[in-house]
């Protein structure tokens, strides 16, 4: 990855704060923007990772977090990405008991979250959300994608 940033996308309020997004009146979803070199990491690999560590079947929810800001969405940057995302959803549907509700929508704008949201897991490993929710996802990622990790 060249760059990974936490932030917000998909809404109508410019430059929202985390608090505004949590209040659910901005239309934004909490997102991760990944800048990558497709010669090093394929887009299909990123989709595979997403569907490994993320529950795509819960509408406006991730675990105990509820609200439209927690909706499952892929914001695509090209028709090729859109097609790949839709194909990935078809392929992984068999792995899930419930229907996948992940939205596949055109990217319009990304707003970077406040600095304290960047590298949140790395900077807050003992925070209960990190240890109870994120750590198991990281462990699942490390196990499945062992061959793709940096030394």
Protein backbone atom coordinates (compact mmCIF):
# COMPACT_ATOMS: atom_id res chain seq x y z
CA UNK A 1 0.00 0.00 0.00
CA UNK A 2 1.18 3.46 -0.74
CA UNK A 3 -1.22 5.12 1.70
CA UNK A 4 -4.11 4.14 3.96
CA UNK A 5 -6.28 6.87 5.45
CA UNK A 6 -9.35 6.78 7.67
CA UNK A 7 -12.12 9.16 6.76
CA UNK A 8 -15.60 9.72 5.43
CA UNK A 9 -17.29 9.47 2.03
CA UNK A 10 -20.69 9.18 0.42
CA UNK A 11 -22.45 12.09 2.08
CA UNK A 12 -23.36 15.69 1.39
CA UNK A 13 -21.68 17.66 4.20
CA UNK A 14 -18.25 19.01 3.23
CA UNK A 15 -15.35 18.41 5.65
CA UNK A 16 -17.40 16.65 8.33
CA UNK A 17 -16.02 15.95 11.77
CA UNK A 18 -16.18 12.52 13.34
CA UNK A 19 -18.83 13.81 15.75
CA UNK A 20 -20.98 15.06 12.86
CA UNK A 21 -20.71 11.72 11.08
CA UNK A 22 -21.64 9.88 14.30
CA UNK A 23 -24.75 12.04 14.57
CA UNK A 24 -25.79 10.48 11.20
CA UNK A 25 -26.94 13.73 9.61
CA UNK A 26 -24.11 14.04 7.07
CA UNK A 27 -24.90 11.04 4.86
CA UNK A 28 -21.27 9.93 5.11
CA UNK A 29 -19.97 6.46 5.85
CA UNK A 30 -16.82 5.80 7.82
CA UNK A 31 -14.36 4.57 5.21
CA UNK A 32 -10.77 3.68 4.55
CA UNK A 33 -9.18 5.18 1.47
CA UNK A 34 -6.41 2.99 0.09
CA UNK A 35 -3.91 4.33 -2.40
CA UNK A 36 -2.16 1.39 -4.01
CA UNK A 37 0.06 0.40 -6.91
CA UNK A 38 -1.87 -2.14 -9.01
CA UNK A 39 1.47 -3.60 -10.13
CA UNK A 40 2.08 -4.60 -6.50
CA UNK A 41 -1.42 -5.15 -5.09
CA UNK A 42 -4.35 -6.11 -7.28
CA UNK A 43 -7.75 -4.52 -6.72
CA UNK A 44 -9.24 -8.03 -6.55
CA UNK A 45 -6.90 -8.76 -3.63
CA UNK A 46 -8.21 -5.70 -1.78
CA UNK A 47 -11.76 -6.93 -2.34
CA UNK A 48 -10.78 -10.37 -1.04
CA UNK A 49 -9.36 -8.77 2.10
CA UNK A 50 -12.48 -6.65 2.58
CA UNK A 51 -14.79 -9.65 2.44
CA UNK A 52 -12.53 -11.60 4.80
CA UNK A 53 -12.41 -9.06 7.63
CA UNK A 54 -15.74 -7.29 7.19
CA UNK A 55 -19.33 -8.47 7.55
CA UNK A 56 -21.07 -7.39 4.33
CA UNK A 57 -24.50 -8.71 5.38
CA UNK A 58 -25.59 -6.27 8.07
CA UNK A 59 -27.45 -3.20 6.91
CA UNK A 60 -26.15 -0.01 8.54
CA UNK A 61 -24.22 -1.98 11.12
CA UNK A 62 -20.79 -3.42 11.92
CA UNK A 63 -20.82 -5.44 15.14
CA UNK A 64 -22.25 -3.30 17.93
CA UNK A 65 -21.91 -0.11 15.86
CA UNK A 66 -25.25 0.85 14.36
CA UNK A 67 -26.15 3.68 11.99
CA UNK A 68 -25.89 4.60 8.33
CA UNK A 69 -22.28 5.71 8.89
CA UNK A 70 -21.46 2.00 9.40
CA UNK A 71 -23.02 0.84 6.14
CA UNK A 72 -21.06 -1.55 4.00
CA UNK A 73 -19.97 0.22 0.82
CA UNK A 74 -17.38 0.12 -1.91
CA UNK A 75 -16.72 3.47 -3.55
CA UNK A 76 -15.29 2.67 -6.96
CA UNK A 77 -13.06 4.96 -9.04
CA UNK A 78 -13.55 3.34 -12.47
CA UNK A 79 -15.91 1.07 -14.36
CA UNK A 80 -13.32 -1.69 -14.00
CA UNK A 81 -13.40 -1.36 -10.23
CA UNK A 82 -17.20 -1.33 -10.28
CA UNK A 83 -17.33 -4.54 -12.32
CA UNK A 84 -14.72 -6.21 -10.10
CA UNK A 85 -16.64 -5.26 -6.94
CA UNK A 86 -19.94 -6.57 -8.29
CA UNK A 87 -18.25 -9.81 -9.42
CA UNK A 88 -16.58 -10.25 -6.01
CA UNK A 89 -19.95 -9.88 -4.29
CA UNK A 90 -21.44 -12.58 -6.53
CA UNK A 91 -18.51 -14.89 -5.80
CA UNK A 92 -18.47 -14.48 -2.01
CA UNK A 93 -22.24 -14.60 -1.53
CA UNK A 94 -21.98 -18.39 -1.16
CA UNK A 95 -19.76 -17.84 1.90
CA UNK A 96 -22.50 -15.93 3.73
CA UNK A 97 -25.82 -17.20 5.05
CA UNK A 98 -27.52 -13.79 4.71
CA UNK A 99 -27.63 -11.65 1.55
CA UNK A 100 -24.73 -9.26 1.01
CA UNK A 101 -25.92 -5.66 1.35
CA UNK A 102 -22.67 -3.93 0.39
CA UNK A 103 -23.37 -0.90 -1.76
CA UNK A 104 -21.26 -0.41 -4.88
CA UNK A 105 -21.36 3.30 -5.60
CA UNK A 106 -19.28 5.81 -7.55
CA UNK A 107 -16.60 7.62 -5.58
CA UNK A 108 -17.19 11.34 -5.36
CA UNK A 109 -15.14 12.77 -2.54
CA UNK A 110 -13.10 11.64 0.45
CA UNK A 111 -12.68 13.64 3.64
CA UNK A 112 -9.79 12.59 5.86
CA UNK A 113 -10.76 11.99 9.49
CA UNK A 114 -9.08 13.77 12.36
CA UNK A 115 -5.48 12.78 13.14
CA UNK A 116 -6.43 10.68 16.16
CA UNK A 117 -8.34 8.33 13.81
CA UNK A 118 -5.29 7.60 11.67
CA UNK A 119 -3.42 4.39 12.63
CA UNK A 120 -6.06 3.99 15.36
CA UNK A 121 -5.47 0.30 16.05
CA UNK A 122 -1.72 0.69 16.15
CA UNK A 123 -1.95 3.68 18.49
CA UNK A 124 -4.67 2.29 20.79
CA UNK A 125 -4.13 -1.49 21.07
CA UNK A 126 -5.49 -1.67 24.63
CA UNK A 127 -8.63 0.30 23.92
CA UNK A 128 -11.55 -2.17 24.35
CA UNK A 129 -12.87 -1.67 20.80
CA UNK A 130 -9.42 -2.45 19.40
CA UNK A 131 -8.81 -5.52 21.53
CA UNK A 132 -12.32 -6.96 21.20
CA UNK A 133 -13.31 -6.03 17.64
CA UNK A 134 -10.29 -5.07 15.59
CA UNK A 135 -7.69 -7.50 16.97
CA UNK A 136 -9.66 -10.60 15.87
CA UNK A 137 -10.03 -9.11 12.38
CA UNK A 138 -6.30 -8.40 12.21
CA UNK A 139 -5.56 -11.95 13.36
CA UNK A 140 -7.91 -13.34 10.69
CA UNK A 141 -6.20 -11.20 8.05
CA UNK A 142 -2.71 -12.25 9.16
CA UNK A 143 -3.66 -15.91 9.08
CA UNK A 144 -5.33 -15.89 5.65
CA UNK A 145 -2.93 -13.49 3.93
CA UNK A 146 0.32 -14.56 5.57
CA UNK A 147 2.08 -14.80 2.22
CA UNK A 148 1.25 -11.19 1.29
CA UNK A 149 2.55 -9.41 4.37
CA UNK A 150 5.66 -7.32 4.69
CA UNK A 151 8.52 -8.74 6.71
